[in-house]
Protein backbone atom coordinates (compact mmCIF):
# COMPACT_ATOMS: atom_id res chain seq x y z
CA UNK A 1 32.21 16.12 11.41
CA UNK A 2 28.48 15.85 11.90
CA UNK A 3 27.44 13.41 14.62
CA UNK A 4 25.62 10.35 13.21
CA UNK A 5 21.92 10.45 14.09
CA UNK A 6 21.80 6.77 15.00
CA UNK A 7 24.21 7.28 17.93
CA UNK A 8 21.10 7.87 20.02
CA UNK A 9 19.62 4.47 19.33
CA UNK A 10 20.07 1.06 20.88
CA UNK A 11 23.03 -0.90 19.48
CA UNK A 12 21.74 -4.46 19.63
CA UNK A 13 23.52 -7.22 17.63
CA UNK A 14 20.66 -7.36 15.12
CA UNK A 15 20.96 -3.71 14.22
CA UNK A 16 24.60 -2.95 14.93
CA UNK A 17 27.56 -3.86 12.80
CA UNK A 18 30.85 -2.05 12.63
CA UNK A 19 32.28 -0.95 9.31
CA UNK A 20 34.80 -3.34 7.83
CA UNK A 21 36.99 -3.45 4.78
CA UNK A 22 35.44 -6.83 4.04
CA UNK A 23 32.16 -5.16 3.19
CA UNK A 24 33.56 -4.01 -0.12
CA UNK A 25 34.86 -7.43 -1.07
CA UNK A 26 33.00 -9.87 -3.25
CA UNK A 27 32.38 -12.13 -0.24
CA UNK A 28 30.25 -9.56 1.60
CA UNK A 29 27.53 -7.16 0.57
CA UNK A 30 28.52 -3.61 -0.27
CA UNK A 31 25.39 -1.83 0.97
CA UNK A 32 26.24 -1.96 4.68
CA UNK A 33 23.77 -4.72 5.54
CA UNK A 34 24.51 -7.10 8.40
CA UNK A 35 23.46 -10.63 9.33
CA UNK A 36 21.45 -11.58 12.41
CA UNK A 37 24.63 -11.68 14.56
CA UNK A 38 25.57 -8.13 13.59
CA UNK A 39 28.50 -9.00 11.27
CA UNK A 40 28.76 -7.93 7.61
CA UNK A 41 26.27 -9.97 5.59
CA UNK A 42 27.70 -12.75 3.44
CA UNK A 43 26.70 -12.40 -0.18
CA UNK A 44 26.56 -16.20 -0.56
CA UNK A 45 24.83 -17.28 2.63
CA UNK A 46 22.34 -14.45 3.19
CA UNK A 47 19.79 -12.50 1.19
CA UNK A 48 18.81 -13.01 -2.45
CA UNK A 49 15.79 -15.09 -3.40
CA UNK A 50 16.20 -17.61 -0.57
CA UNK A 51 15.52 -14.78 1.90
CA UNK A 52 13.15 -12.57 -0.10
CA UNK A 53 10.95 -15.57 -0.95
CA UNK A 54 10.17 -15.95 2.77
CA UNK A 55 8.92 -12.36 2.88
CA UNK A 56 6.80 -13.12 -0.17
CA UNK A 57 5.24 -16.11 1.65
CA UNK A 58 4.50 -13.88 4.66
CA UNK A 59 2.90 -11.24 2.42
CA UNK A 60 0.88 -13.93 0.65
CA UNK A 61 -0.54 -15.30 3.92
CA UNK A 62 -1.23 -11.90 5.47
CA UNK A 63 -2.92 -10.51 2.37
CA UNK A 64 -5.00 -13.68 1.98
CA UNK A 65 -6.42 -13.14 5.48
CA UNK A 66 -6.86 -9.39 5.03
CA UNK A 67 -8.43 -9.78 1.60
CA UNK A 68 -10.85 -12.49 2.78
CA UNK A 69 -12.30 -9.89 5.13
CA UNK A 70 -12.25 -6.92 2.77
CA UNK A 71 -13.76 -8.69 -0.23
CA UNK A 72 -16.88 -9.81 1.64
CA UNK A 73 -17.12 -7.13 4.31
CA UNK A 74 -20.12 -5.45 2.65
CA UNK A 75 -21.98 -8.75 2.76
CA UNK A 76 -21.19 -9.28 6.44
CA UNK A 77 -22.20 -5.74 7.41
CA UNK A 78 -25.49 -5.85 5.51
CA UNK A 79 -26.56 -9.47 6.07
CA UNK A 80 -25.18 -10.20 9.55
CA UNK A 81 -25.02 -6.77 11.22
CA UNK A 82 -28.04 -5.36 9.29
CA UNK A 83 -26.45 -2.16 8.02
CA UNK A 84 -27.80 -0.25 5.01
CA UNK A 85 -26.02 -0.32 1.65
CA UNK A 86 -24.80 3.25 2.05
CA UNK A 87 -23.57 2.75 5.62
CA UNK A 88 -21.86 -0.50 4.65
CA UNK A 89 -20.07 1.11 1.68
CA UNK A 90 -18.98 3.99 3.91
CA UNK A 91 -17.69 1.66 6.64
CA UNK A 92 -15.74 -0.42 4.11
CA UNK A 93 -14.12 2.67 2.63
CA UNK A 94 -13.21 4.05 6.09
CA UNK A 95 -11.77 0.74 7.32
CA UNK A 96 -9.68 0.22 4.19
CA UNK A 97 -8.54 3.82 4.41
CA UNK A 98 -7.40 3.21 7.99
CA UNK A 99 -5.63 0.02 6.90
CA UNK A 100 -3.57 2.00 4.42
CA UNK A 101 -2.92 4.85 6.86
CA UNK A 102 -1.30 2.48 9.37
CA UNK A 103 1.75 1.89 7.13
CA UNK A 104 2.99 5.38 8.05
CA UNK A 105 3.16 4.33 11.70
CA UNK A 106 4.93 1.06 10.96
CA UNK A 107 7.35 2.63 8.48
CA UNK A 108 8.29 5.48 10.84
CA UNK A 109 9.03 3.10 13.70
CA UNK A 110 11.00 0.82 11.37
CA UNK A 111 13.14 3.54 9.76
CA UNK A 112 13.74 5.39 13.04
CA UNK A 113 14.07 2.90 15.88
CA UNK A 114 13.30 -0.84 15.60
CA UNK A 115 14.18 -1.69 12.02
CA UNK A 116 11.90 -3.36 9.51
CA UNK A 117 12.23 -6.90 10.88
CA UNK A 118 11.19 -6.20 14.46
CA UNK A 119 8.43 -3.80 13.44
CA UNK A 120 6.99 -6.44 11.10
CA UNK A 121 6.95 -9.06 13.87
CA UNK A 122 5.13 -6.74 16.30
CA UNK A 123 2.61 -5.67 13.64
CA UNK A 124 1.84 -9.25 12.65
CA UNK A 125 1.17 -10.06 16.32
CA UNK A 126 -1.43 -7.27 16.42
CA UNK A 127 -2.85 -8.72 13.21
CA UNK A 128 -3.30 -12.15 14.83
CA UNK A 129 -4.93 -10.62 17.92
CA UNK A 130 -7.41 -8.80 15.68
CA UNK A 131 -8.26 -12.04 13.88
CA UNK A 132 -8.92 -13.64 17.29
CA UNK A 133 -11.40 -10.84 18.05
CA UNK A 134 -13.21 -11.49 14.79
CA UNK A 135 -13.36 -15.18 15.68
CA UNK A 136 -14.91 -14.31 19.03
CA UNK A 137 -17.44 -12.05 17.34
CA UNK A 138 -18.50 -14.84 14.98
CA UNK A 139 -18.70 -17.34 17.87
CA UNK A 140 -20.67 -15.03 20.19
CA UNK A 141 -24.14 -16.16 19.00
CA UNK A 142 -23.18 -19.75 19.93
CA UNK A 143 -21.75 -18.65 23.30
CA UNK A 144 -24.75 -16.50 24.25
CA UNK A 145 -27.45 -19.01 23.21
CA UNK A 146 -28.62 -22.30 24.64
CA UNK A 147 -29.03 -23.65 28.20
CA UNK A 148 -25.32 -23.24 28.98
CA UNK A 149 -25.08 -19.68 27.67
CA UNK A 150 -22.55 -17.33 29.23
CA UNK A 151 -24.21 -14.67 31.37
CA UNK A 152 -21.34 -12.29 30.66
CA UNK A 153 -23.05 -10.83 27.63
CA UNK A 154 -25.92 -8.61 28.81
CA UNK A 155 -26.57 -7.45 25.27
CA UNK A 156 -25.14 -10.01 22.80
CA UNK A 157 -26.00 -7.95 19.72
CA UNK A 158 -24.21 -4.80 20.90
CA UNK A 159 -21.33 -6.83 22.31
CA UNK A 160 -20.91 -8.65 19.02
CA UNK A 161 -20.87 -5.38 17.07
CA UNK A 162 -18.28 -3.78 19.39
CA UNK A 163 -16.02 -6.84 19.43
CA UNK A 164 -16.23 -7.08 15.64
CA UNK A 165 -15.32 -3.42 15.12
CA UNK A 166 -12.40 -3.57 17.60
CA UNK A 167 -11.06 -6.72 15.92
CA UNK A 168 -11.64 -5.27 12.46
CA UNK A 169 -9.55 -2.18 13.15
CA UNK A 170 -6.84 -4.21 14.91
CA UNK A 171 -6.62 -6.27 11.71
CA UNK A 172 -6.38 -3.06 9.68
CA UNK A 173 -3.69 -1.62 11.98
CA UNK A 174 -1.64 -4.81 12.13
CA UNK A 175 -1.79 -5.54 8.41
CA UNK A 176 -1.14 -1.94 7.45
CA UNK A 177 1.85 -1.50 9.76
CA UNK A 178 3.60 -4.67 8.58
CA UNK A 179 2.99 -4.13 4.88
CA UNK A 180 5.70 -1.54 4.05
CA UNK A 181 8.16 -3.19 6.42
CA UNK A 182 7.87 -6.69 4.94
CA UNK A 183 7.91 -5.41 1.35
CA UNK A 184 10.92 -3.12 1.73
CA UNK A 185 12.66 -5.74 3.91
CA UNK A 186 12.25 -8.23 1.08
CA UNK A 187 13.72 -5.74 -1.40
CA UNK A 188 16.61 -5.10 1.00
CA UNK A 189 17.71 -8.71 0.51
CA UNK A 190 19.23 -7.62 -2.82
CA UNK A 191 22.44 -5.59 -2.84
CA UNK A 192 22.24 -2.34 -4.79
CA UNK A 193 26.00 -2.38 -5.36
CA UNK A 194 25.80 -5.66 -7.31
CA UNK A 195 24.28 -5.32 -10.79
CA UNK A 196 22.94 -8.87 -10.88
CA UNK A 197 21.19 -8.52 -7.53
CA UNK A 198 19.91 -5.09 -8.50
CA UNK A 199 18.18 -6.65 -11.53
CA UNK A 200 16.63 -9.32 -9.32
CA UNK A 201 15.29 -6.61 -7.03
CA UNK A 202 13.32 -5.16 -9.94
CA UNK A 203 11.73 -8.57 -10.51
CA UNK A 204 11.00 -8.90 -6.79
CA UNK A 205 8.28 -6.23 -6.93
CA UNK A 206 6.48 -7.97 -9.80
CA UNK A 207 6.51 -11.36 -8.11
CA UNK A 208 5.62 -9.88 -4.74
CA UNK A 209 2.53 -8.33 -6.27
CA UNK A 210 1.85 -11.59 -8.08
CA UNK A 211 1.90 -13.50 -4.77
CA UNK A 212 -0.45 -11.21 -2.88
CA UNK A 213 -2.89 -11.42 -5.77
CA UNK A 214 -2.64 -15.21 -5.62
CA UNK A 215 -3.65 -14.86 -1.98
CA UNK A 216 -6.43 -12.54 -3.03
CA UNK A 217 -7.67 -15.12 -5.52
CA UNK A 218 -7.89 -17.83 -2.87
CA UNK A 219 -9.58 -15.40 -0.50
CA UNK A 220 -12.10 -14.25 -3.10
CA UNK A 221 -13.07 -17.78 -4.12
CA UNK A 222 -12.41 -20.45 -1.50
CA UNK A 223 -12.56 -18.36 1.69
CA UNK A 224 -15.55 -16.27 0.58
CA UNK A 225 -17.35 -19.48 -0.45
CA UNK A 226 -16.69 -20.90 3.03
CA UNK A 227 -18.00 -17.69 4.62
CA UNK A 228 -21.19 -17.79 2.61
CA UNK A 229 -21.95 -21.54 2.81
CA UNK A 230 -20.18 -22.92 5.90
CA UNK A 231 -20.40 -19.86 8.13
CA UNK A 232 -18.27 -16.89 9.11
CA UNK A 233 -16.76 -18.77 12.06
CA UNK A 234 -15.06 -21.22 9.69
CA UNK A 235 -14.02 -18.41 7.35
CA UNK A 236 -12.35 -16.41 10.14
CA UNK A 237 -10.68 -19.56 11.49
CA UNK A 238 -9.00 -20.35 8.16
CA UNK A 239 -7.83 -16.74 7.79
CA UNK A 240 -6.36 -16.76 11.31
CA UNK A 241 -4.42 -19.94 10.57
CA UNK A 242 -2.92 -18.39 7.43
CA UNK A 243 -1.72 -15.31 9.34
CA UNK A 244 -0.11 -17.57 11.94
CA UNK A 245 1.61 -19.56 9.19
CA UNK A 246 2.89 -16.41 7.50
CA UNK A 247 4.49 -14.88 10.58
CA UNK A 248 6.01 -18.28 11.53
CA UNK A 249 7.71 -18.63 8.13
CA UNK A 250 8.93 -15.04 8.32
CA UNK A 251 10.42 -15.58 11.79
CA UNK A 252 12.06 -18.93 10.98
CA UNK A 253 14.02 -17.33 8.12
CA UNK A 254 15.89 -14.93 10.41
CA UNK A 255 19.24 -16.65 9.94
CA UNK A 256 19.38 -15.93 6.20
CA UNK A 257 18.20 -12.31 6.29
CA UNK A 258 20.20 -9.15 5.66
CA UNK A 259 19.41 -6.29 8.01
CA UNK A 260 19.78 -2.56 7.38
CA UNK A 261 20.43 -0.22 10.30
CA UNK A 262 17.72 2.39 10.99
CA UNK A 263 18.87 5.84 9.95
CA UNK A 264 17.30 7.85 12.74
CA UNK A 265 14.09 9.86 12.75
CA UNK A 266 13.23 11.10 9.25
CA UNK A 267 10.92 13.72 10.76
CA UNK A 268 13.79 15.15 12.81
CA UNK A 269 16.00 15.42 9.72
CA UNK A 270 13.23 17.08 7.74
CA UNK A 271 12.54 19.66 10.46
CA UNK A 272 16.27 20.32 10.84
CA UNK A 273 16.41 21.32 7.19
CA UNK A 274 13.34 23.55 7.51
CA UNK A 275 14.68 25.25 10.65
CA UNK A 276 18.21 25.68 9.28
CA UNK A 277 16.93 27.08 5.97
CA UNK A 278 14.67 29.50 7.84
CA UNK A 279 17.59 30.68 9.97
CA UNK A 280 19.57 31.39 6.76
CA UNK A 281 16.72 32.90 4.75
CA UNK A 282 18.59 36.20 4.35
CA UNK A 283 21.84 34.59 3.19
CA UNK A 284 22.87 34.37 -0.46
CA UNK A 285 23.47 30.94 -1.98
CA UNK A 286 26.95 30.37 -3.47
CA UNK A 287 27.12 30.23 -7.26
CA UNK A 288 28.90 26.88 -7.06
CA UNK A 289 26.77 24.22 -5.35
CA UNK A 290 29.95 22.34 -4.36
CA UNK A 291 30.50 25.07 -1.77
CA UNK A 292 27.46 23.80 0.16
CA UNK A 293 28.15 21.62 3.17
CA UNK A 294 28.44 17.85 2.75
CA UNK A 295 29.82 15.07 4.93
CA UNK A 296 33.50 14.54 4.12
CA UNK A 297 33.53 10.75 4.50
CA UNK A 298 32.97 8.19 1.77
CA UNK A 299 29.41 7.51 2.88
CA UNK A 300 26.65 9.75 4.08
CA UNK A 301 26.30 11.21 7.57
CA UNK A 302 22.92 9.42 7.66
CA UNK A 303 23.18 5.77 8.67
CA UNK A 304 22.20 3.39 5.87
CA UNK A 305 22.11 6.08 3.19
CA UNK A 306 24.23 7.00 0.18
CA UNK A 307 25.12 10.59 -0.57
CA UNK A 308 22.69 12.47 -2.81
CA UNK A 309 23.95 14.88 -5.43
CA UNK A 310 22.70 18.46 -5.39
CA UNK A 311 19.82 19.22 -7.76
CA UNK A 312 18.42 22.52 -8.97
CA UNK A 313 15.05 23.79 -7.84
CA UNK A 314 13.59 24.44 -4.38
CA UNK A 315 16.61 26.66 -3.69
CA UNK A 316 15.20 27.92 -0.40
CA UNK A 317 16.05 24.63 1.30
CA UNK A 318 19.60 24.74 -0.08
CA UNK A 319 20.20 27.56 2.41
CA UNK A 320 20.23 24.95 5.16
CA UNK A 321 23.60 23.77 3.80
CA UNK A 322 25.32 27.18 3.59
CA UNK A 323 28.72 27.08 5.34
CA UNK A 324 29.76 30.09 7.39
CA UNK A 325 33.21 31.00 8.69
CA UNK A 326 32.45 29.82 12.26
CA UNK A 327 31.28 26.49 10.85
CA UNK A 328 34.58 26.03 9.02
CA UNK A 329 36.57 26.86 12.16
CA UNK A 330 34.75 24.29 14.36
CA UNK A 331 33.61 21.45 12.05
CA UNK A 332 33.35 18.97 14.95
CA UNK A 333 30.72 21.06 16.80
CA UNK A 334 28.22 21.67 14.03
CA UNK A 335 24.63 22.14 15.16
CA UNK A 336 22.27 20.13 12.95
CA UNK A 337 19.52 22.69 13.54
CA UNK A 338 21.75 25.39 12.04
CA UNK A 339 23.47 23.57 9.17
CA UNK A 340 22.57 20.38 7.29
CA UNK A 341 24.32 18.28 4.66
CA UNK A 342 23.38 18.43 0.98
CA UNK A 343 22.13 14.83 1.28
CA UNK A 344 19.81 15.81 4.12
CA UNK A 345 18.48 18.76 2.09
CA UNK A 346 17.96 16.54 -0.95
CA UNK A 347 15.92 14.09 1.14
CA UNK A 348 13.35 16.80 1.81
CA UNK A 349 13.42 18.02 -1.80
CA UNK A 350 12.76 14.45 -3.02
CA UNK A 351 9.70 14.14 -0.78
CA UNK A 352 8.34 17.47 -1.99
CA UNK A 353 8.81 16.48 -5.64
CA UNK A 354 7.11 13.13 -5.14
CA UNK A 355 4.03 14.67 -3.55
CA UNK A 356 2.28 15.79 -6.80
CA UNK A 357 2.78 12.29 -8.25
CA UNK A 358 1.34 10.80 -5.09
CA UNK A 359 -1.63 13.18 -4.98
CA UNK A 360 -2.54 12.41 -8.61
CA UNK A 361 -2.89 8.74 -7.62
CA UNK A 362 -5.48 9.37 -4.90
CA UNK A 363 -8.44 9.33 -7.28
CA UNK A 364 -7.11 6.13 -8.86
CA UNK A 365 -7.34 4.54 -5.41
CA UNK A 366 -10.89 5.87 -5.01
CA UNK A 367 -11.85 4.19 -8.29
CA UNK A 368 -10.23 0.94 -7.17
CA UNK A 369 -12.23 1.04 -3.94
CA UNK A 370 -15.48 0.73 -5.90
CA UNK A 371 -14.55 -2.90 -6.53
CA UNK A 372 -15.10 -3.59 -2.83
CA UNK A 373 -18.23 -1.50 -2.33
CA UNK A 374 -20.46 -0.33 -5.17
CA UNK A 375 -19.37 -3.13 -7.54
CA UNK A 376 -20.45 -5.63 -4.88
CA UNK A 377 -23.74 -3.83 -4.29
CA UNK A 378 -24.33 -3.72 -8.05
CA UNK A 379 -23.63 -7.45 -8.31
CA UNK A 380 -26.03 -8.25 -5.46
CA UNK A 381 -28.90 -6.94 -7.61
CA UNK A 382 -27.99 -9.13 -10.62
CA UNK A 383 -28.64 -12.78 -11.45
CA UNK A 384 -25.89 -14.81 -9.81
CA UNK A 385 -26.77 -18.29 -11.08
CA UNK A 386 -24.84 -19.91 -13.91
CA UNK A 387 -26.73 -23.12 -14.47
CA UNK A 388 -27.19 -24.70 -11.04
CA UNK A 389 -24.15 -22.96 -9.55
CA UNK A 390 -24.56 -19.70 -7.63
CA UNK A 391 -21.65 -17.27 -7.79
CA UNK A 392 -21.06 -15.43 -4.51
CA UNK A 393 -21.09 -11.73 -5.33
CA UNK A 394 -17.75 -10.98 -3.67
CA UNK A 395 -16.10 -13.96 -5.39
CA UNK A 396 -16.60 -12.26 -8.73
CA UNK A 397 -13.75 -9.94 -7.74
CA UNK A 398 -11.49 -12.88 -8.56
CA UNK A 399 -11.62 -11.74 -12.19
CA UNK A 400 -9.55 -8.72 -11.21
CA UNK A 401 -7.13 -10.97 -9.35
CA UNK A 402 -6.87 -13.50 -12.17
CA UNK A 403 -6.13 -10.68 -14.55
CA UNK A 404 -3.21 -9.55 -12.37
CA UNK A 405 -1.89 -13.11 -11.97
CA UNK A 406 -1.94 -13.68 -15.73
CA UNK A 407 -0.57 -10.28 -16.74
CA UNK A 408 2.37 -10.01 -14.30
CA UNK A 409 4.35 -12.88 -15.94
CA UNK A 410 3.31 -11.68 -19.40
CA UNK A 411 4.42 -8.16 -18.55
CA UNK A 412 7.83 -9.22 -17.23
CA UNK A 413 8.61 -12.03 -19.69
CA UNK A 414 7.02 -10.69 -22.88
CA UNK A 415 6.13 -6.99 -22.79
CA UNK A 416 9.29 -5.69 -21.10
CA UNK A 417 11.74 -7.41 -23.53
CA UNK A 418 9.73 -6.22 -26.53
CA UNK A 419 9.40 -2.62 -25.29
CA UNK A 420 13.07 -2.60 -24.28
CA UNK A 421 14.07 -3.01 -27.94
CA UNK A 422 12.34 0.27 -28.77
CA UNK A 423 13.08 2.34 -25.65
CA UNK A 424 16.48 0.98 -24.62
CA UNK A 425 15.38 1.05 -20.98
CA UNK A 426 16.13 -1.97 -18.77
CA UNK A 427 12.53 -2.01 -17.51
CA UNK A 428 10.94 -1.19 -20.84
CA UNK A 429 9.13 1.95 -19.73
CA UNK A 430 9.67 4.31 -16.83
CA UNK A 431 7.60 4.05 -13.65
CA UNK A 432 5.63 7.27 -14.37
CA UNK A 433 4.76 5.98 -17.86
CA UNK A 434 3.61 2.70 -16.36
CA UNK A 435 1.45 4.55 -13.83
CA UNK A 436 -0.13 6.74 -16.54
CA UNK A 437 -1.18 3.71 -18.60
CA UNK A 438 -2.88 2.26 -15.54
CA UNK A 439 -4.79 5.50 -14.95
CA UNK A 440 -6.29 5.23 -18.45
CA UNK A 441 -7.48 1.67 -17.85
CA UNK A 442 -9.11 2.63 -14.54
CA UNK A 443 -11.07 5.38 -16.28
CA UNK A 444 -12.29 2.90 -18.92
CA UNK A 445 -13.43 0.58 -16.12
CA UNK A 446 -15.73 3.28 -14.75
CA UNK A 447 -17.17 3.93 -18.20
CA UNK A 448 -17.89 0.25 -18.66
CA UNK A 449 -19.46 -0.06 -15.19
CA UNK A 450 -21.78 2.85 -16.06
CA UNK A 451 -22.85 1.13 -19.28
CA UNK A 452 -23.59 -2.12 -17.44
CA UNK A 453 -25.61 -0.33 -14.76
CA UNK A 454 -27.55 1.67 -17.35
CA UNK A 455 -28.52 -1.55 -19.11
CA UNK A 456 -29.49 -3.17 -15.79
CA UNK A 457 -31.77 -0.26 -14.93
CA UNK A 458 -33.43 -0.48 -18.35
CA UNK A 459 -34.14 -4.18 -17.77
CA UNK A 460 -35.52 -3.40 -14.29
CA UNK A 461 -37.88 -0.85 -15.78
CA UNK A 462 -39.04 -3.09 -18.60
CA UNK A 463 -39.70 -5.92 -16.11
CA UNK A 464 -41.59 -3.66 -13.71
CA UNK A 465 -39.03 -4.17 -10.93
CA UNK A 466 -38.08 -0.54 -10.27
CA UNK A 467 -39.89 -0.33 -6.94
CA UNK A 468 -39.07 -3.88 -5.86
CA UNK A 469 -35.86 -4.66 -4.00
CA UNK A 470 -35.18 -7.84 -5.98
CA UNK A 471 -32.52 -9.10 -8.37
CA UNK A 472 -32.82 -8.12 -12.00
CA UNK A 473 -32.74 -10.85 -14.71
CA UNK A 474 -29.33 -9.74 -15.96
CA UNK A 475 -26.33 -12.06 -15.49
CA UNK A 476 -23.59 -10.96 -13.11
CA UNK A 477 -21.15 -12.08 -15.82
CA UNK A 478 -21.68 -8.68 -17.43
CA UNK A 479 -19.58 -7.24 -14.60
CA UNK A 480 -16.56 -9.22 -15.82
CA UNK A 481 -15.06 -6.60 -18.19
CA UNK A 482 -15.08 -3.81 -15.57
CA UNK A 483 -13.20 -6.06 -13.13
CA UNK A 484 -10.79 -7.05 -15.92
CA UNK A 485 -9.94 -3.44 -16.75
CA UNK A 486 -9.29 -2.66 -13.08
CA UNK A 487 -6.93 -5.65 -12.99
CA UNK A 488 -5.00 -4.32 -15.97
CA UNK A 489 -4.85 -0.91 -14.29
CA UNK A 490 -3.38 -2.51 -11.16
CA UNK A 491 -0.58 -4.27 -13.04
CA UNK A 492 0.53 -0.97 -14.50
CA UNK A 493 -0.23 1.63 -11.84
CA UNK A 494 0.11 -0.19 -8.51
CA UNK A 495 3.37 -1.99 -9.28
CA UNK A 496 4.67 1.09 -11.08
CA UNK A 497 3.90 3.25 -8.05
CA UNK A 498 5.62 0.79 -5.69
CA UNK A 499 8.75 0.77 -7.86
CA UNK A 500 8.69 4.54 -8.16
CA UNK A 501 8.55 5.18 -4.42
CA UNK A 502 11.17 2.55 -3.56
CA UNK A 503 13.59 3.77 -6.24
CA UNK A 504 13.08 7.48 -5.65
CA UNK A 505 12.90 7.46 -1.85
CA UNK A 506 16.08 8.33 0.05
CA UNK A 507 17.92 5.20 1.18
CA UNK A 508 17.15 5.79 4.86
CA UNK A 509 13.45 6.42 4.15
CA UNK A 510 12.55 3.43 2.01
CA UNK A 511 10.04 2.01 4.47
CA UNK A 512 8.37 5.42 4.54
CA UNK A 513 8.53 5.46 0.75
CA UNK A 514 6.63 2.18 0.64
CA UNK A 515 4.19 3.56 3.20
CA UNK A 516 3.55 6.63 1.05
CA UNK A 517 2.82 4.37 -1.90
CA UNK A 518 0.11 2.77 0.26
CA UNK A 519 -1.02 6.04 1.82
CA UNK A 520 -2.54 7.14 -1.48
CA UNK A 521 -4.85 4.10 -1.16
CA UNK A 522 -5.86 5.33 2.28
CA UNK A 523 -6.51 8.82 0.96
CA UNK A 524 -8.41 7.33 -1.98
CA UNK A 525 -10.64 5.32 0.32
CA UNK A 526 -11.38 8.34 2.46
CA UNK A 527 -12.09 10.31 -0.70
CA UNK A 528 -14.47 7.58 -1.85
CA UNK A 529 -16.18 7.64 1.56
CA UNK A 530 -16.47 11.42 1.34
CA UNK A 531 -17.92 11.29 -2.18
CA UNK A 532 -20.40 8.59 -1.14
CA UNK A 533 -21.46 10.79 1.79
CA UNK A 534 -22.10 13.72 -0.55
CA UNK A 535 -24.08 11.69 -3.10
CA UNK A 536 -27.35 11.54 -1.09
CA UNK A 537 -26.95 15.19 -0.04
CA UNK A 538 -27.03 16.43 -3.65
CA UNK A 539 -29.11 13.71 -5.34
CA UNK A 540 -31.76 12.68 -2.77
CA UNK A 541 -33.96 15.76 -2.93
CA UNK A 542 -37.63 16.48 -3.53
CA UNK A 543 -38.71 12.90 -2.91
CA UNK A 544 -36.01 11.49 -5.19
CA UNK A 545 -34.27 8.40 -3.75
CA UNK A 546 -30.88 9.63 -5.01
CA UNK A 547 -28.24 7.83 -7.03
CA UNK A 548 -27.44 5.12 -4.45
CA UNK A 549 -30.56 4.23 -2.42
CA UNK A 550 -31.07 0.97 -0.54
CA UNK A 551 -33.05 -0.25 -3.55
CA UNK A 552 -30.61 0.26 -6.42
CA UNK A 553 -33.41 -0.37 -8.91
CA UNK A 554 -34.78 3.05 -7.94
CA UNK A 555 -31.41 4.79 -8.14
CA UNK A 556 -28.90 5.87 -10.76
CA UNK A 557 -25.61 4.19 -9.91
CA UNK A 558 -24.68 4.65 -13.57
CA UNK A 559 -24.49 8.42 -13.07
CA UNK A 560 -22.14 7.92 -10.14
CA UNK A 561 -19.83 5.81 -12.32
CA UNK A 562 -19.89 8.40 -15.10
CA UNK A 563 -18.97 11.10 -12.59
CA UNK A 564 -16.00 9.01 -11.44
CA UNK A 565 -14.95 8.49 -15.07
CA UNK A 566 -15.01 12.24 -15.67
CA UNK A 567 -12.93 12.90 -12.59
CA UNK A 568 -10.49 10.19 -13.71
CA UNK A 569 -10.01 11.87 -17.08
CA UNK A 570 -9.22 15.17 -15.36
CA UNK A 571 -6.84 13.32 -13.04
CA UNK A 572 -4.91 11.89 -16.00
CA UNK A 573 -4.18 15.40 -17.28
CA UNK A 574 -3.00 16.46 -13.80
CA UNK A 575 -0.72 13.43 -13.52
CA UNK A 576 0.86 13.96 -16.96
CA UNK A 577 1.50 17.61 -16.12
CA UNK A 578 3.52 16.78 -13.00
CA UNK A 579 5.14 13.58 -14.27
CA UNK A 580 6.75 15.39 -17.22
CA UNK A 581 8.31 17.90 -14.83
CA UNK A 582 9.61 15.43 -12.26
CA UNK A 583 13.39 15.32 -11.62
CA UNK A 584 14.74 11.90 -10.58
CA UNK A 585 17.06 11.66 -7.58
CA UNK A 586 20.82 11.45 -8.16
CA UNK A 587 22.68 9.17 -5.76
CA UNK A 588 26.47 9.26 -5.80
């Protein structure tokens, strides 16, 4: 019998729980989850909505704080730290990319060693420390001025910039690392072996996304208004308090949580398959796949994972599960670097098959990132007054958020039941179909943004404002439809992608699955940053200011949006090509 990979790890009460016949009874969960004391989790007293709702509150508070920074970061960088439009857009894209790269770190630690709960607590602590740094950065001008100024700061401007950047990236690291852990931990509160709880888990993702967008709405309206009118010190203070509230609620709910044991290092299992398959590259696969090696017990050899059925395709990796005569004679001494189970092989094959779907979503994330950079810069050049009220540019992003908040209940309560009558699917449409619809809406958003910018440039020319860095007499309300379409795209693609990666990921890699669903956002932000870096190289020549100069009245931001729309159309064809050929996992 293959040694369980988790034998190497610490067996604390939170993570350890012996197998029991009670786990299969109706009183206890059937997915191997345990309570905080390490005993089988009670179906009645743990998990379900009473537990997952606490993770939703934590996500709401954390995203509110994170979003309050991201939505108005361009304004802070340009107005407070005096960066150029291009540098600010590049910094925003890089920071957000880093924020969505951090989930890989958090997910790996959670799935391999500490579990999702502990990893989330540590990450949230880093988040709070980062917010404290931002608070110090905002307070530095008060500390370094006046008769009682601190002499510690030899160069207050440079010190403020360094403290801000350190705090900013600590916020990105802390938020990013906790995100996949809290989300997948919330989904773990529903037992896959119970049909009723399994249905609730599907709804969890919709309402989780609904809650973080509610936090985004408050951040984009109330918090951004406070930042612009009462000062950044007050804005950062409110955000810090929300993070503290979120982690407190998450911690206080420990007694009602269900915990899944970490399944050991996913990277080790992946490399074991690669090495074992390479060792057996000259061996012939058996005609009957049942002759391949699999753990003989009821469950999988991987802690916290069900067995996966063998699938066709990627046959090279199947060679890692070829049984030889010496293996059959000494089954208790099998070397995992020489032979792997079918389930372990299928884990790697699942990841390989998901990669094309993931890669097709990178450009979608790059389009979404424009909402936080070029959309804001475009809005800063437009008339922001509606009567006597001035709309903060970043607050206009609340249209996207309101769209999500309105459409999520409509989607779950109206669209899904209607579509279900025609498709016969419990969720109405499949996750890949949902993602594809969102891709189409994101492309339309870029087309609309180009039309708005083209009209704005025409007004600037007719008013003689081309060479003046001033606002153009065109209402910012014209930006509304492009934000609306991005909101519709989110409801379809973002939630669809989250469902897809949670459902299709191997059981012992679900935190990593959630991290990969966020990693495409990181890659998209880096792609956006890369594209923005290339724009002046190819467009600012021969005295031309380029497409995105400091004075947008002299540029052609509309051409940039049209280019993104064209790339989005090409991306839709790529996505459809791979989605139609994707084989879903088969868990026994």
